[in-house]
Amino acid sequence: MKKINRTYVLGALGLAIAAWIVWQASQIPMRLVANEPGPRFIPYVSAGGLALFSILTIIFDAPKEAKKGTKPYLDKAGWIRLAIIIGESILFALSMVYIGFWITAMLGMMLFIVTLKRNKKINWVVAILLSIGLASLCYFGFTRGFNIPLPKGELWEALGIAMP
């Protein structure tokens, strides 16, 4: 019995998820304002990117995997790191409600950098500046640029501290 190439399976799964995203996005009502792309735009772009990279994975990576033989995607340490990242993601989502998006994004990005660095040395100044800069860009881009409110944090509201 011939083993199934995992890259083909991963690519097919990516294409199926992209199709599901397109199907779900097509259920969203059309645009509310005539001069904006509408709420379907971002899901369609995401599905298109997922489909494109799934196809590229099938084309370019599947032959390489067939030549190399099979290795596990994740070893024991990889599964542990994946569980930690999932836990951090859940903590990130819950923290947004209580301490707000802006501060959570800064702290969360630092936490993800430290988790994903593995055995590599990191420049702490660059990591801190990157965390502050990207979190601020996201926060002010959405709140000021797109006029989309993000969670400010129940803690700050309870303490009477006004967040930007």
C-alpha atoms as a PDB file:
ATOM      1  CA  MET A   1       0.000   0.000   0.000  1.00  0.00           C
ATOM      2  CA  LYS A   2       1.384   3.381  -1.019  1.00  0.00           C
ATOM      3  CA  LYS A   3       1.588   6.130   1.604  1.00  0.00           C
ATOM      4  CA  ILE A   4      -0.391   9.293   0.928  1.00  0.00           C
ATOM      5  CA  ASN A   5       1.781  12.356   0.504  1.00  0.00           C
ATOM      6  CA  ARG A   6       0.935  14.689   3.381  1.00  0.00           C
ATOM      7  CA  THR A   7       1.598  17.768   1.273  1.00  0.00           C
ATOM      8  CA  TYR A   8      -1.234  16.786  -1.069  1.00  0.00           C
ATOM      9  CA  VAL A   9      -3.515  16.285   1.908  1.00  0.00           C
ATOM     10  CA  LEU A  10      -2.519  19.663   3.370  1.00  0.00           C
ATOM     11  CA  GLY A  11      -3.043  21.376   0.000  1.00  0.00           C
ATOM     12  CA  ALA A  12      -6.450  19.753  -0.486  1.00  0.00           C
ATOM     13  CA  LEU A  13      -7.444  20.752   3.054  1.00  0.00           C
ATOM     14  CA  GLY A  14      -6.378  24.342   2.339  1.00  0.00           C
ATOM     15  CA  LEU A  15      -8.444  24.391  -0.862  1.00  0.00           C
ATOM     16  CA  ALA A  16     -11.465  22.979   0.986  1.00  0.00           C
ATOM     17  CA  ILE A  17     -11.161  25.631   3.708  1.00  0.00           C
ATOM     18  CA  ALA A  18     -10.830  28.356   1.040  1.00  0.00           C
ATOM     19  CA  ALA A  19     -14.007  27.079  -0.653  1.00  0.00           C
ATOM     20  CA  TRP A  20     -15.793  27.052   2.706  1.00  0.00           C
ATOM     21  CA  ILE A  21     -14.704  30.671   3.377  1.00  0.00           C
ATOM     22  CA  VAL A  22     -16.017  31.774  -0.036  1.00  0.00           C
ATOM     23  CA  TRP A  23     -19.310  29.972   0.594  1.00  0.00           C
ATOM     24  CA  GLN A  24     -19.694  31.538   4.043  1.00  0.00           C
ATOM     25  CA  ALA A  25     -18.715  35.007   2.772  1.00  0.00           C
ATOM     26  CA  SER A  26     -21.294  34.783   0.009  1.00  0.00           C
ATOM     27  CA  GLN A  27     -23.934  34.603   2.763  1.00  0.00           C
ATOM     28  CA  ILE A  28     -22.938  38.080   4.026  1.00  0.00           C
ATOM     29  CA  PRO A  29     -25.308  40.841   2.828  1.00  0.00           C
ATOM     30  CA  MET A  30     -23.886  43.066   0.101  1.00  0.00           C
ATOM     31  CA  ARG A  31     -22.271  46.404   0.720  1.00  0.00           C
ATOM     32  CA  LEU A  32     -23.883  48.928   2.935  1.00  0.00           C
ATOM     33  CA  VAL A  33     -22.100  51.963   1.462  1.00  0.00           C
ATOM     34  CA  ALA A  34     -21.696  52.345  -2.296  1.00  0.00           C
ATOM     35  CA  ASN A  35     -18.084  53.572  -2.341  1.00  0.00           C
ATOM     36  CA  GLU A  36     -16.603  50.858  -0.080  1.00  0.00           C
ATOM     37  CA  PRO A  37     -15.622  47.305  -1.044  1.00  0.00           C
ATOM     38  CA  GLY A  38     -18.104  45.773   1.370  1.00  0.00           C
ATOM     39  CA  PRO A  39     -17.910  43.130   4.073  1.00  0.00           C
ATOM     40  CA  ARG A  40     -17.261  40.262   1.618  1.00  0.00           C
ATOM     41  CA  PHE A  41     -13.976  41.715   0.376  1.00  0.00           C
ATOM     42  CA  ILE A  42     -11.568  40.604   3.124  1.00  0.00           C
ATOM     43  CA  PRO A  43     -12.911  37.021   3.333  1.00  0.00           C
ATOM     44  CA  TYR A  44     -12.659  36.717  -0.461  1.00  0.00           C
ATOM     45  CA  VAL A  45      -9.071  38.001  -0.423  1.00  0.00           C
ATOM     46  CA  SER A  46      -8.200  35.634   2.431  1.00  0.00           C
ATOM     47  CA  ALA A  47      -9.752  32.662   0.629  1.00  0.00           C
ATOM     48  CA  GLY A  48      -7.933  33.583  -2.574  1.00  0.00           C
ATOM     49  CA  GLY A  49      -4.589  33.756  -0.772  1.00  0.00           C
ATOM     50  CA  LEU A  50      -5.225  30.462   0.993  1.00  0.00           C
ATOM     51  CA  ALA A  51      -6.169  28.785  -2.288  1.00  0.00           C
ATOM     52  CA  LEU A  52      -3.124  30.240  -4.075  1.00  0.00           C
ATOM     53  CA  PHE A  53      -0.670  29.061  -1.435  1.00  0.00           C
ATOM     54  CA  SER A  54      -2.351  25.665  -1.175  1.00  0.00           C
ATOM     55  CA  ILE A  55      -1.889  25.178  -4.911  1.00  0.00           C
ATOM     56  CA  LEU A  56       1.729  26.381  -4.738  1.00  0.00           C
ATOM     57  CA  THR A  57       2.370  23.952  -1.870  1.00  0.00           C
ATOM     58  CA  ILE A  58       0.990  21.075  -3.918  1.00  0.00           C
ATOM     59  CA  ILE A  59       3.036  22.051  -6.982  1.00  0.00           C
ATOM     60  CA  PHE A  60       6.386  22.780  -5.368  1.00  0.00           C
ATOM     61  CA  ASP A  61       6.532  20.958  -2.022  1.00  0.00           C
ATOM     62  CA  ALA A  62       4.879  17.623  -2.800  1.00  0.00           C
ATOM     63  CA  PRO A  63       7.675  16.391  -5.119  1.00  0.00           C
ATOM     64  CA  LYS A  64      10.302  17.363  -2.518  1.00  0.00           C
ATOM     65  CA  GLU A  65       8.462  15.444   0.209  1.00  0.00           C
ATOM     66  CA  ALA A  66       8.176  12.370  -1.995  1.00  0.00           C
ATOM     67  CA  LYS A  67      11.961  12.393  -2.565  1.00  0.00           C
ATOM     68  CA  LYS A  68      12.926  12.962   1.075  1.00  0.00           C
ATOM     69  CA  GLY A  69      10.716  10.380   2.651  1.00  0.00           C
ATOM     70  CA  THR A  70       8.376  11.095   5.496  1.00  0.00           C
ATOM     71  CA  LYS A  71       9.196  12.888   8.693  1.00  0.00           C
ATOM     72  CA  PRO A  72       6.698  13.913  11.337  1.00  0.00           C
ATOM     73  CA  TYR A  73       5.435  17.489  11.088  1.00  0.00           C
ATOM     74  CA  LEU A  74       5.861  17.987  14.808  1.00  0.00           C
ATOM     75  CA  ASP A  75       8.012  16.136  17.268  1.00  0.00           C
ATOM     76  CA  LYS A  76       7.174  16.014  20.983  1.00  0.00           C
ATOM     77  CA  ALA A  77       8.691  19.447  21.648  1.00  0.00           C
ATOM     78  CA  GLY A  78       6.793  20.844  18.650  1.00  0.00           C
ATOM     79  CA  TRP A  79       3.460  19.588  19.985  1.00  0.00           C
ATOM     80  CA  ILE A  80       4.238  21.131  23.366  1.00  0.00           C
ATOM     81  CA  ARG A  81       5.141  24.457  21.730  1.00  0.00           C
ATOM     82  CA  LEU A  82       1.906  24.297  19.672  1.00  0.00           C
ATOM     83  CA  ALA A  83      -0.132  23.731  22.847  1.00  0.00           C
ATOM     84  CA  ILE A  84       1.603  26.716  24.475  1.00  0.00           C
ATOM     85  CA  ILE A  85       0.836  28.922  21.460  1.00  0.00           C
ATOM     86  CA  ILE A  86      -2.831  27.871  21.494  1.00  0.00           C
ATOM     87  CA  GLY A  87      -2.974  28.664  25.212  1.00  0.00           C
ATOM     88  CA  GLU A  88      -1.357  32.055  24.609  1.00  0.00           C
ATOM     89  CA  SER A  89      -3.888  32.780  21.850  1.00  0.00           C
ATOM     90  CA  ILE A  90      -6.790  31.992  24.173  1.00  0.00           C
ATOM     91  CA  LEU A  91      -5.225  34.149  26.896  1.00  0.00           C
ATOM     92  CA  PHE A  92      -4.778  36.945  24.320  1.00  0.00           C
ATOM     93  CA  ALA A  93      -8.455  36.808  23.324  1.00  0.00           C
ATOM     94  CA  LEU A  94      -9.654  36.815  26.942  1.00  0.00           C
ATOM     95  CA  SER A  95      -7.253  39.589  27.965  1.00  0.00           C
ATOM     96  CA  MET A  96      -8.592  41.948  25.300  1.00  0.00           C
ATOM     97  CA  VAL A  97     -11.888  42.189  27.157  1.00  0.00           C
ATOM     98  CA  TYR A  98     -10.295  43.087  30.481  1.00  0.00           C
ATOM     99  CA  ILE A  99      -7.196  45.140  29.646  1.00  0.00           C
ATOM    100  CA  GLY A 100      -8.062  46.260  26.116  1.00  0.00           C
ATOM    101  CA  PHE A 101      -6.714  45.544  22.667  1.00  0.00           C
ATOM    102  CA  TRP A 102      -3.811  48.001  22.636  1.00  0.00           C
ATOM    103  CA  ILE A 103      -2.026  46.823  25.786  1.00  0.00           C
ATOM    104  CA  THR A 104      -2.922  43.171  25.148  1.00  0.00           C
ATOM    105  CA  ALA A 105      -1.492  43.381  21.641  1.00  0.00           C
ATOM    106  CA  MET A 106       1.801  44.785  22.940  1.00  0.00           C
ATOM    107  CA  LEU A 107       2.159  42.168  25.669  1.00  0.00           C
ATOM    108  CA  GLY A 108       0.852  39.371  23.440  1.00  0.00           C
ATOM    109  CA  MET A 109       3.317  40.142  20.680  1.00  0.00           C
ATOM    110  CA  MET A 110       6.205  40.046  23.153  1.00  0.00           C
ATOM    111  CA  LEU A 111       4.930  36.737  24.494  1.00  0.00           C
ATOM    112  CA  PHE A 112       4.663  35.274  20.975  1.00  0.00           C
ATOM    113  CA  ILE A 113       8.165  36.506  20.081  1.00  0.00           C
ATOM    114  CA  VAL A 114       9.629  34.852  23.172  1.00  0.00           C
ATOM    115  CA  THR A 115       7.698  31.623  22.534  1.00  0.00           C
ATOM    116  CA  LEU A 116       8.592  31.381  18.854  1.00  0.00           C
ATOM    117  CA  LYS A 117      12.267  32.300  19.187  1.00  0.00           C
ATOM    118  CA  ARG A 118      13.142  28.754  20.276  1.00  0.00           C
ATOM    119  CA  ASN A 119      16.910  28.684  20.848  1.00  0.00           C
ATOM    120  CA  LYS A 120      17.720  31.856  18.916  1.00  0.00           C
ATOM    121  CA  LYS A 121      18.954  35.014  20.559  1.00  0.00           C
ATOM    122  CA  ILE A 122      16.695  37.997  20.173  1.00  0.00           C
ATOM    123  CA  ASN A 123      17.468  41.677  20.351  1.00  0.00           C
ATOM    124  CA  TRP A 124      15.219  42.826  23.174  1.00  0.00           C
ATOM    125  CA  VAL A 125      15.206  46.465  22.091  1.00  0.00           C
ATOM    126  CA  VAL A 126      14.020  45.516  18.597  1.00  0.00           C
ATOM    127  CA  ALA A 127      11.448  43.081  20.010  1.00  0.00           C
ATOM    128  CA  ILE A 128      10.012  45.708  22.381  1.00  0.00           C
ATOM    129  CA  LEU A 129       9.937  48.410  19.692  1.00  0.00           C
ATOM    130  CA  LEU A 130       8.349  45.982  17.227  1.00  0.00           C
ATOM    131  CA  SER A 131       5.679  45.015  19.763  1.00  0.00           C
ATOM    132  CA  ILE A 132       4.844  48.607  20.623  1.00  0.00           C
ATOM    133  CA  GLY A 133       4.942  49.775  17.009  1.00  0.00           C
ATOM    134  CA  LEU A 134       2.806  47.028  15.495  1.00  0.00           C
ATOM    135  CA  ALA A 135       0.260  47.090  18.302  1.00  0.00           C
ATOM    136  CA  SER A 136      -0.036  50.870  18.010  1.00  0.00           C
ATOM    137  CA  LEU A 137      -0.291  50.695  14.219  1.00  0.00           C
ATOM    138  CA  CYS A 138      -3.088  48.124  14.437  1.00  0.00           C
ATOM    139  CA  TYR A 139      -4.929  49.910  17.224  1.00  0.00           C
ATOM    140  CA  PHE A 140      -4.826  53.409  15.783  1.00  0.00           C
ATOM    141  CA  GLY A 141      -5.255  52.147  12.227  1.00  0.00           C
ATOM    142  CA  PHE A 142      -8.547  50.512  13.150  1.00  0.00           C
ATOM    143  CA  THR A 143      -9.830  53.083  15.658  1.00  0.00           C
ATOM    144  CA  ARG A 144      -8.787  56.233  13.806  1.00  0.00           C
ATOM    145  CA  GLY A 145      -8.257  55.104  10.211  1.00  0.00           C
ATOM    146  CA  PHE A 146     -11.159  52.693   9.728  1.00  0.00           C
ATOM    147  CA  ASN A 147     -13.252  54.106  12.607  1.00  0.00           C
ATOM    148  CA  ILE A 148     -13.740  50.603  14.025  1.00  0.00           C
ATOM    149  CA  PRO A 149     -13.857  50.530  17.823  1.00  0.00           C
ATOM    150  CA  LEU A 150     -11.648  47.993  19.565  1.00  0.00           C
ATOM    151  CA  PRO A 151     -11.955  46.889  23.201  1.00  0.00           C
ATOM    152  CA  LYS A 152     -10.558  49.495  25.586  1.00  0.00           C
ATOM    153  CA  GLY A 153     -10.666  47.215  28.614  1.00  0.00           C
ATOM    154  CA  GLU A 154     -13.102  46.814  31.452  1.00  0.00           C
ATOM    155  CA  LEU A 155     -10.302  47.275  33.996  1.00  0.00           C
ATOM    156  CA  TRP A 156      -9.549  50.816  32.831  1.00  0.00           C
ATOM    157  CA  GLU A 157     -13.230  51.724  32.718  1.00  0.00           C
ATOM    158  CA  ALA A 158     -13.694  50.427  36.287  1.00  0.00           C
ATOM    159  CA  LEU A 159     -10.686  52.478  37.440  1.00  0.00           C
ATOM    160  CA  GLY A 160     -11.900  55.561  35.563  1.00  0.00           C
ATOM    161  CA  ILE A 161      -8.828  55.724  33.318  1.00  0.00           C
ATOM    162  CA  ALA A 162      -9.604  56.956  29.809  1.00  0.00           C
ATOM    163  CA  MET A 163      -7.835  54.949  27.132  1.00  0.00           C
ATOM    164  CA  PRO A 164      -7.252  56.533  23.706  1.00  0.00           C
END
